[in-house]
Amino acid sequence: MIETVVVAGKAELGRLAAEWGAQAIREALARDGQASIIVATGASQFEMLEQLVRAEGIDWSKVTAFHLDEYVGLLESHPASFRRYLRERFLAPLGNRPVFVPVNGDGDAQAEAKKLGEAIAGRRICVCFAGIGENCHLAFNDPPADFDTDEPYLVVNLDEACRRQQLGEGWFPDLDSVPEQAISMSIRQILRSELIVLSVSDTRKAEAAKAALEGPVTNMAPASILQTHPRAVMFLDQPAAALLGRRF
């Protein structure tokens, strides 16, 4: 079961999501002397990252940050690059102290996926920050998602709903400009995280939130797999929670 927290607006959502994640990082640092985390991008992460970089009591030089996904063939200089997003919104405010393991989609995508898989192998991930897509994707695992592969990173094809979401959020000028492939962390690798913190906002995510939280576990609604995780929490604003059967 996914723990569900509904708040009035995005600012409170971001604050609470960041607090949960920051506490997991502090606990890992106290326990192990280092922490490995997974960071996400997109409009859903704006407020969370703004608060996370302000969190107190974290020695960020001892934190290694892995990255959920990146488009194939997109240069880091492109406004939609997720590497660029994280360098500007996560690394720069922290003085580039965390060790950052980016997903580089510029070259041989299969070779990059293999290299990333080797880098994350055996890591104890204390927290994965994520969102869900309008099509209920998790990272760039669009439906029907592969729930079975043990490979940590995959080269995936992006469906039209996913590509239209990226267009609608203003990252690209037209649909033809949205890449058709990405390198994505796999579902099973995400599930290896000790804590998964999801930030979900806006009316356009309401159907996906309902499917993830209240629907059956199915690869046609990839985020529904989080119902099987022992410690997943989803923070939603009121518009994203509008279709839920339970009252909050």
C-alpha atoms as a PDB file:
ATOM      1  CA  MET A   1       0.000   0.000   0.000  1.00  0.00           C
ATOM      2  CA  ILE A   2       1.242   3.473  -0.859  1.00  0.00           C
ATOM      3  CA  GLU A   3       1.000   5.939   2.008  1.00  0.00           C
ATOM      4  CA  THR A   4      -0.974   8.920   0.747  1.00  0.00           C
ATOM      5  CA  VAL A   5      -0.687  12.531   1.911  1.00  0.00           C
ATOM      6  CA  VAL A   6      -2.912  15.191   0.352  1.00  0.00           C
ATOM      7  CA  VAL A   7      -2.094  18.849   0.920  1.00  0.00           C
ATOM      8  CA  ALA A   8      -3.575  22.149  -0.189  1.00  0.00           C
ATOM      9  CA  GLY A   9      -0.917  23.236  -2.663  1.00  0.00           C
ATOM     10  CA  LYS A  10       2.411  22.635  -4.330  1.00  0.00           C
ATOM     11  CA  ALA A  11       4.512  24.573  -1.822  1.00  0.00           C
ATOM     12  CA  GLU A  12       3.385  22.387   1.080  1.00  0.00           C
ATOM     13  CA  LEU A  13       3.731  19.276  -1.090  1.00  0.00           C
ATOM     14  CA  GLY A  14       7.321  20.148  -1.894  1.00  0.00           C
ATOM     15  CA  ARG A  15       8.168  20.936   1.700  1.00  0.00           C
ATOM     16  CA  LEU A  16       6.826  17.661   3.055  1.00  0.00           C
ATOM     17  CA  ALA A  17       8.324  15.511   0.289  1.00  0.00           C
ATOM     18  CA  ALA A  18      11.711  17.125   0.850  1.00  0.00           C
ATOM     19  CA  GLU A  19      11.455  16.630   4.618  1.00  0.00           C
ATOM     20  CA  TRP A  20      10.765  12.912   4.247  1.00  0.00           C
ATOM     21  CA  GLY A  21      13.625  12.449   1.836  1.00  0.00           C
ATOM     22  CA  ALA A  22      16.054  14.577   3.809  1.00  0.00           C
ATOM     23  CA  GLN A  23      15.411  12.548   6.947  1.00  0.00           C
ATOM     24  CA  ALA A  24      16.177   9.333   5.076  1.00  0.00           C
ATOM     25  CA  ILE A  25      19.461  10.855   3.870  1.00  0.00           C
ATOM     26  CA  ARG A  26      20.406  11.945   7.395  1.00  0.00           C
ATOM     27  CA  GLU A  27      19.706   8.467   8.732  1.00  0.00           C
ATOM     28  CA  ALA A  28      21.822   6.860   6.009  1.00  0.00           C
ATOM     29  CA  LEU A  29      24.704   9.232   6.693  1.00  0.00           C
ATOM     30  CA  ALA A  30      24.534   8.497  10.415  1.00  0.00           C
ATOM     31  CA  ARG A  31      24.402   4.759   9.782  1.00  0.00           C
ATOM     32  CA  ASP A  32      26.881   4.351   6.915  1.00  0.00           C
ATOM     33  CA  GLY A  33      28.872   7.581   6.669  1.00  0.00           C
ATOM     34  CA  GLN A  34      27.587   8.025   3.113  1.00  0.00           C
ATOM     35  CA  ALA A  35      24.274   7.967   1.270  1.00  0.00           C
ATOM     36  CA  SER A  36      23.117   7.060  -2.231  1.00  0.00           C
ATOM     37  CA  ILE A  37      19.935   8.636  -3.557  1.00  0.00           C
ATOM     38  CA  ILE A  38      17.950   8.836  -6.794  1.00  0.00           C
ATOM     39  CA  VAL A  39      16.778  12.216  -8.034  1.00  0.00           C
ATOM     40  CA  ALA A  40      14.086  12.973 -10.588  1.00  0.00           C
ATOM     41  CA  THR A  41      13.202  15.857 -12.853  1.00  0.00           C
ATOM     42  CA  GLY A  42      10.168  17.433 -14.484  1.00  0.00           C
ATOM     43  CA  ALA A  43       7.636  19.976 -13.332  1.00  0.00           C
ATOM     44  CA  SER A  44       6.565  17.794 -10.379  1.00  0.00           C
ATOM     45  CA  GLN A  45       9.960  18.162  -8.715  1.00  0.00           C
ATOM     46  CA  PHE A  46      10.337  21.961  -8.759  1.00  0.00           C
ATOM     47  CA  GLU A  47       9.090  22.681  -5.245  1.00  0.00           C
ATOM     48  CA  MET A  48      10.587  19.545  -3.700  1.00  0.00           C
ATOM     49  CA  LEU A  49      14.095  20.274  -4.980  1.00  0.00           C
ATOM     50  CA  GLU A  50      13.837  23.900  -3.912  1.00  0.00           C
ATOM     51  CA  GLN A  51      13.283  22.688  -0.351  1.00  0.00           C
ATOM     52  CA  LEU A  52      15.664  19.707  -0.436  1.00  0.00           C
ATOM     53  CA  VAL A  53      18.717  21.829  -1.223  1.00  0.00           C
ATOM     54  CA  ARG A  54      17.931  23.900   1.885  1.00  0.00           C
ATOM     55  CA  ALA A  55      17.700  20.903   4.207  1.00  0.00           C
ATOM     56  CA  GLU A  56      19.858  21.167   7.292  1.00  0.00           C
ATOM     57  CA  GLY A  57      22.088  18.507   8.782  1.00  0.00           C
ATOM     58  CA  ILE A  58      23.209  16.892   5.508  1.00  0.00           C
ATOM     59  CA  ASP A  59      26.841  16.663   4.416  1.00  0.00           C
ATOM     60  CA  TRP A  60      26.172  16.658   0.702  1.00  0.00           C
ATOM     61  CA  SER A  61      29.799  15.830  -0.105  1.00  0.00           C
ATOM     62  CA  LYS A  62      29.045  12.335   1.193  1.00  0.00           C
ATOM     63  CA  VAL A  63      25.948  11.877  -0.980  1.00  0.00           C
ATOM     64  CA  THR A  64      25.957  10.157  -4.373  1.00  0.00           C
ATOM     65  CA  ALA A  65      23.011  11.093  -6.567  1.00  0.00           C
ATOM     66  CA  PHE A  66      21.860   8.809  -9.353  1.00  0.00           C
ATOM     67  CA  HIS A  67      19.533  10.056 -12.048  1.00  0.00           C
ATOM     68  CA  LEU A  68      16.266   8.411 -13.146  1.00  0.00           C
ATOM     69  CA  ASP A  69      16.289   9.058 -16.877  1.00  0.00           C
ATOM     70  CA  GLU A  70      17.344  11.122 -19.879  1.00  0.00           C
ATOM     71  CA  TYR A  71      16.361  11.488 -23.520  1.00  0.00           C
ATOM     72  CA  VAL A  72      18.409   9.696 -26.162  1.00  0.00           C
ATOM     73  CA  GLY A  73      20.169  12.077 -28.519  1.00  0.00           C
ATOM     74  CA  LEU A  74      19.549  15.269 -26.528  1.00  0.00           C
ATOM     75  CA  LEU A  75      22.541  17.461 -25.745  1.00  0.00           C
ATOM     76  CA  GLU A  76      22.964  18.755 -22.198  1.00  0.00           C
ATOM     77  CA  SER A  77      22.752  22.297 -23.566  1.00  0.00           C
ATOM     78  CA  HIS A  78      19.126  21.713 -24.645  1.00  0.00           C
ATOM     79  CA  PRO A  79      16.550  23.376 -22.326  1.00  0.00           C
ATOM     80  CA  ALA A  80      14.774  20.019 -21.870  1.00  0.00           C
ATOM     81  CA  SER A  81      17.914  18.120 -20.848  1.00  0.00           C
ATOM     82  CA  PHE A  82      17.422  16.466 -17.466  1.00  0.00           C
ATOM     83  CA  ARG A  83      21.164  16.657 -16.789  1.00  0.00           C
ATOM     84  CA  ARG A  84      20.965  20.400 -17.251  1.00  0.00           C
ATOM     85  CA  TYR A  85      17.865  20.559 -15.057  1.00  0.00           C
ATOM     86  CA  LEU A  86      19.613  18.782 -12.186  1.00  0.00           C
ATOM     87  CA  ARG A  87      22.840  20.739 -12.517  1.00  0.00           C
ATOM     88  CA  GLU A  88      20.871  23.985 -12.283  1.00  0.00           C
ATOM     89  CA  ARG A  89      18.243  23.044  -9.693  1.00  0.00           C
ATOM     90  CA  PHE A  90      20.057  20.496  -7.524  1.00  0.00           C
ATOM     91  CA  LEU A  91      23.835  20.577  -7.909  1.00  0.00           C
ATOM     92  CA  ALA A  92      24.494  24.306  -8.333  1.00  0.00           C
ATOM     93  CA  PRO A  93      22.568  25.363  -5.185  1.00  0.00           C
ATOM     94  CA  LEU A  94      24.619  22.774  -3.258  1.00  0.00           C
ATOM     95  CA  GLY A  95      27.919  24.032  -4.596  1.00  0.00           C
ATOM     96  CA  ASN A  96      28.274  20.858  -6.699  1.00  0.00           C
ATOM     97  CA  ARG A  97      29.111  18.923  -3.551  1.00  0.00           C
ATOM     98  CA  PRO A  98      27.135  15.733  -4.217  1.00  0.00           C
ATOM     99  CA  VAL A  99      28.735  13.088  -6.419  1.00  0.00           C
ATOM    100  CA  PHE A 100      26.481  13.119  -9.467  1.00  0.00           C
ATOM    101  CA  VAL A 101      26.062  10.100 -11.746  1.00  0.00           C
ATOM    102  CA  PRO A 102      24.215  11.525 -14.763  1.00  0.00           C
ATOM    103  CA  VAL A 103      22.437   9.653 -17.517  1.00  0.00           C
ATOM    104  CA  ASN A 104      24.171  10.720 -20.733  1.00  0.00           C
ATOM    105  CA  GLY A 105      21.965  10.217 -23.747  1.00  0.00           C
ATOM    106  CA  ASP A 106      24.349  11.755 -26.292  1.00  0.00           C
ATOM    107  CA  GLY A 107      26.232   8.663 -27.463  1.00  0.00           C
ATOM    108  CA  ASP A 108      25.688   4.906 -27.528  1.00  0.00           C
ATOM    109  CA  ALA A 109      22.527   4.522 -25.439  1.00  0.00           C
ATOM    110  CA  GLN A 110      22.899   0.784 -24.823  1.00  0.00           C
ATOM    111  CA  ALA A 111      26.505   1.229 -23.697  1.00  0.00           C
ATOM    112  CA  GLU A 112      25.459   4.050 -21.383  1.00  0.00           C
ATOM    113  CA  ALA A 113      22.692   1.932 -19.849  1.00  0.00           C
ATOM    114  CA  LYS A 114      25.209  -0.837 -19.190  1.00  0.00           C
ATOM    115  CA  LYS A 115      27.710   1.573 -17.620  1.00  0.00           C
ATOM    116  CA  LEU A 116      25.053   3.065 -15.350  1.00  0.00           C
ATOM    117  CA  GLY A 117      23.904  -0.402 -14.318  1.00  0.00           C
ATOM    118  CA  GLU A 118      27.438  -1.240 -13.235  1.00  0.00           C
ATOM    119  CA  ALA A 119      27.721   2.046 -11.328  1.00  0.00           C
ATOM    120  CA  ILE A 120      24.552   1.502  -9.291  1.00  0.00           C
ATOM    121  CA  ALA A 121      25.017  -2.239  -8.707  1.00  0.00           C
ATOM    122  CA  GLY A 122      25.164  -3.104  -5.019  1.00  0.00           C
ATOM    123  CA  ARG A 123      24.340   0.425  -3.884  1.00  0.00           C
ATOM    124  CA  ARG A 124      22.050   0.838  -0.897  1.00  0.00           C
ATOM    125  CA  ILE A 125      19.627   3.510  -2.083  1.00  0.00           C
ATOM    126  CA  CYS A 126      18.154   5.252   0.929  1.00  0.00           C
ATOM    127  CA  VAL A 127      15.598   7.300  -0.999  1.00  0.00           C
ATOM    128  CA  CYS A 128      14.287   7.621  -4.532  1.00  0.00           C
ATOM    129  CA  PHE A 129      12.529  10.871  -5.373  1.00  0.00           C
ATOM    130  CA  ALA A 130      10.076  10.471  -8.259  1.00  0.00           C
ATOM    131  CA  GLY A 131       6.844  11.566  -9.849  1.00  0.00           C
ATOM    132  CA  ILE A 132       4.352   9.806 -12.080  1.00  0.00           C
ATOM    133  CA  GLY A 133       3.379  10.648 -15.624  1.00  0.00           C
ATOM    134  CA  GLU A 134      -0.009  11.494 -17.043  1.00  0.00           C
ATOM    135  CA  ASN A 135       0.070   7.968 -18.496  1.00  0.00           C
ATOM    136  CA  CYS A 136       1.019   6.634 -15.049  1.00  0.00           C
ATOM    137  CA  HIS A 137       4.607   5.998 -16.095  1.00  0.00           C
ATOM    138  CA  LEU A 138       7.343   5.656 -13.490  1.00  0.00           C
ATOM    139  CA  ALA A 139      10.585   7.212 -14.686  1.00  0.00           C
ATOM    140  CA  PHE A 140      10.302   6.709 -18.460  1.00  0.00           C
ATOM    141  CA  ASN A 141       8.775   3.238 -18.138  1.00  0.00           C
ATOM    142  CA  ASP A 142       5.681   3.864 -20.240  1.00  0.00           C
ATOM    143  CA  PRO A 143       2.871   1.298 -20.459  1.00  0.00           C
ATOM    144  CA  PRO A 144       3.206  -1.575 -20.983  1.00  0.00           C
ATOM    145  CA  ALA A 145       6.187  -1.355 -18.628  1.00  0.00           C
ATOM    146  CA  ASP A 146       8.668  -4.164 -18.146  1.00  0.00           C
ATOM    147  CA  PHE A 147       8.119  -5.387 -14.579  1.00  0.00           C
ATOM    148  CA  ASP A 148      10.429  -8.375 -14.989  1.00  0.00           C
ATOM    149  CA  THR A 149      13.857  -7.220 -16.141  1.00  0.00           C
ATOM    150  CA  ASP A 150      16.599  -7.018 -13.530  1.00  0.00           C
ATOM    151  CA  GLU A 151      18.693  -4.678 -15.658  1.00  0.00           C
ATOM    152  CA  PRO A 152      19.071  -1.427 -13.693  1.00  0.00           C
ATOM    153  CA  TYR A 153      18.796   0.849 -16.747  1.00  0.00           C
ATOM    154  CA  LEU A 154      16.993   0.333 -20.062  1.00  0.00           C
ATOM    155  CA  VAL A 155      16.699   2.010 -23.425  1.00  0.00           C
ATOM    156  CA  VAL A 156      12.954   2.553 -23.824  1.00  0.00           C
ATOM    157  CA  ASN A 157      10.548   3.851 -26.449  1.00  0.00           C
ATOM    158  CA  LEU A 158       8.385   6.788 -25.371  1.00  0.00           C
ATOM    159  CA  ASP A 159       4.688   6.544 -26.166  1.00  0.00           C
ATOM    160  CA  GLU A 160       2.739   9.428 -27.634  1.00  0.00           C
ATOM    161  CA  ALA A 161       1.007  10.292 -24.341  1.00  0.00           C
ATOM    162  CA  CYS A 162       4.381  10.664 -22.663  1.00  0.00           C
ATOM    163  CA  ARG A 163       5.767  12.773 -25.489  1.00  0.00           C
ATOM    164  CA  ARG A 164       2.679  14.978 -25.499  1.00  0.00           C
ATOM    165  CA  GLN A 165       3.114  15.543 -21.753  1.00  0.00           C
ATOM    166  CA  GLN A 166       6.661  16.815 -22.339  1.00  0.00           C
ATOM    167  CA  LEU A 167       5.325  19.106 -25.049  1.00  0.00           C
ATOM    168  CA  GLY A 168       2.479  20.306 -22.829  1.00  0.00           C
ATOM    169  CA  GLU A 169       4.875  21.169 -20.005  1.00  0.00           C
ATOM    170  CA  GLY A 170       6.724  23.481 -22.367  1.00  0.00           C
ATOM    171  CA  TRP A 171      10.007  21.621 -22.724  1.00  0.00           C
ATOM    172  CA  PHE A 172       9.774  21.358 -26.542  1.00  0.00           C
ATOM    173  CA  PRO A 173       8.376  23.600 -29.303  1.00  0.00           C
ATOM    174  CA  ASP A 174       6.428  20.828 -31.089  1.00  0.00           C
ATOM    175  CA  LEU A 175       5.762  17.094 -30.879  1.00  0.00           C
ATOM    176  CA  ASP A 176       8.275  16.236 -33.592  1.00  0.00           C
ATOM    177  CA  SER A 177      11.015  17.756 -31.430  1.00  0.00           C
ATOM    178  CA  VAL A 178      10.328  15.397 -28.514  1.00  0.00           C
ATOM    179  CA  PRO A 179      12.724  12.422 -28.656  1.00  0.00           C
ATOM    180  CA  GLU A 180      11.190   9.009 -29.224  1.00  0.00           C
ATOM    181  CA  GLN A 181      13.604   7.140 -26.947  1.00  0.00           C
ATOM    182  CA  ALA A 182      15.130   7.554 -23.518  1.00  0.00           C
ATOM    183  CA  ILE A 183      17.452   5.811 -21.104  1.00  0.00           C
ATOM    184  CA  SER A 184      15.428   4.998 -18.005  1.00  0.00           C
ATOM    185  CA  MET A 185      16.007   3.380 -14.661  1.00  0.00           C
ATOM    186  CA  SER A 186      14.046   0.140 -14.615  1.00  0.00           C
ATOM    187  CA  ILE A 187      11.053  -0.609 -12.435  1.00  0.00           C
ATOM    188  CA  ARG A 188      12.912  -3.248 -10.416  1.00  0.00           C
ATOM    189  CA  GLN A 189      15.835  -0.915  -9.759  1.00  0.00           C
ATOM    190  CA  ILE A 190      13.462   1.787  -8.482  1.00  0.00           C
ATOM    191  CA  LEU A 191      11.801  -0.780  -6.207  1.00  0.00           C
ATOM    192  CA  ARG A 192      15.173  -1.574  -4.625  1.00  0.00           C
ATOM    193  CA  SER A 193      15.099   1.846  -2.944  1.00  0.00           C
ATOM    194  CA  GLU A 194      14.431   1.759   0.797  1.00  0.00           C
ATOM    195  CA  LEU A 195      12.066   4.739   0.572  1.00  0.00           C
ATOM    196  CA  ILE A 196      10.252   6.101  -2.475  1.00  0.00           C
ATOM    197  CA  VAL A 197       8.967   9.674  -2.218  1.00  0.00           C
ATOM    198  CA  LEU A 198       6.522  10.710  -4.933  1.00  0.00           C
ATOM    199  CA  SER A 199       5.432  14.253  -5.736  1.00  0.00           C
ATOM    200  CA  VAL A 200       2.228  14.426  -7.785  1.00  0.00           C
ATOM    201  CA  SER A 201       0.402  17.639  -8.601  1.00  0.00           C
ATOM    202  CA  ASP A 202      -2.165  19.157 -10.970  1.00  0.00           C
ATOM    203  CA  THR A 203      -5.484  17.983 -12.354  1.00  0.00           C
ATOM    204  CA  ARG A 204      -3.760  16.408 -15.363  1.00  0.00           C
ATOM    205  CA  LYS A 205      -2.256  13.788 -13.008  1.00  0.00           C
ATOM    206  CA  ALA A 206      -5.560  12.893 -11.294  1.00  0.00           C
ATOM    207  CA  GLU A 207      -6.395   9.847 -13.429  1.00  0.00           C
ATOM    208  CA  ALA A 208      -2.855   8.514 -13.115  1.00  0.00           C
ATOM    209  CA  ALA A 209      -2.889   9.019  -9.345  1.00  0.00           C
ATOM    210  CA  LYS A 210      -6.143   7.091  -9.047  1.00  0.00           C
ATOM    211  CA  ALA A 211      -4.753   4.246 -11.167  1.00  0.00           C
ATOM    212  CA  ALA A 212      -1.533   4.106  -9.150  1.00  0.00           C
ATOM    213  CA  LEU A 213      -3.202   4.234  -5.748  1.00  0.00           C
ATOM    214  CA  GLU A 214      -6.554   2.501  -6.209  1.00  0.00           C
ATOM    215  CA  GLY A 215      -6.350   0.442  -9.392  1.00  0.00           C
ATOM    216  CA  PRO A 216      -4.984  -3.056  -9.877  1.00  0.00           C
ATOM    217  CA  VAL A 217      -1.240  -3.589 -10.119  1.00  0.00           C
ATOM    218  CA  THR A 218      -0.656  -3.732 -13.857  1.00  0.00           C
ATOM    219  CA  ASN A 219       2.098  -2.796 -16.268  1.00  0.00           C
ATOM    220  CA  MET A 220      -0.492  -0.732 -18.135  1.00  0.00           C
ATOM    221  CA  ALA A 221      -0.400   1.616 -15.135  1.00  0.00           C
ATOM    222  CA  PRO A 222       3.295   1.304 -14.271  1.00  0.00           C
ATOM    223  CA  ALA A 223       3.257   3.348 -11.057  1.00  0.00           C
ATOM    224  CA  SER A 224       0.707   0.900  -9.610  1.00  0.00           C
ATOM    225  CA  ILE A 225       3.655  -1.428  -8.899  1.00  0.00           C
ATOM    226  CA  LEU A 226       4.473   0.860  -5.978  1.00  0.00           C
ATOM    227  CA  GLN A 227       1.551  -0.722  -4.127  1.00  0.00           C
ATOM    228  CA  THR A 228       3.905  -3.680  -3.592  1.00  0.00           C
ATOM    229  CA  HIS A 229       6.692  -1.568  -2.070  1.00  0.00           C
ATOM    230  CA  PRO A 230       7.057  -1.636   1.729  1.00  0.00           C
ATOM    231  CA  ARG A 231       7.750   2.087   2.082  1.00  0.00           C
ATOM    232  CA  ALA A 232       6.368   4.342  -0.628  1.00  0.00           C
ATOM    233  CA  VAL A 233       4.663   7.658   0.092  1.00  0.00           C
ATOM    234  CA  MET A 234       2.822   9.828  -2.419  1.00  0.00           C
ATOM    235  CA  PHE A 235       2.295  13.527  -1.762  1.00  0.00           C
ATOM    236  CA  LEU A 236      -0.531  15.056  -3.807  1.00  0.00           C
ATOM    237  CA  ASP A 237      -2.116  18.454  -4.076  1.00  0.00           C
ATOM    238  CA  GLN A 238      -5.899  18.714  -4.062  1.00  0.00           C
ATOM    239  CA  PRO A 239      -6.321  18.755  -7.869  1.00  0.00           C
ATOM    240  CA  ALA A 240      -4.232  15.595  -8.300  1.00  0.00           C
ATOM    241  CA  ALA A 241      -6.253  13.868  -5.582  1.00  0.00           C
ATOM    242  CA  ALA A 242      -9.638  14.893  -6.961  1.00  0.00           C
ATOM    243  CA  LEU A 243     -10.614  11.463  -8.333  1.00  0.00           C
ATOM    244  CA  LEU A 244      -9.549   9.377  -5.334  1.00  0.00           C
ATOM    245  CA  GLY A 245     -12.302   7.369  -3.676  1.00  0.00           C
ATOM    246  CA  ARG A 246     -11.050   8.128  -0.208  1.00  0.00           C
ATOM    247  CA  ARG A 247     -11.536  11.541   1.362  1.00  0.00           C
ATOM    248  CA  PHE A 248      -8.514  13.408   2.669  1.00  0.00           C
END
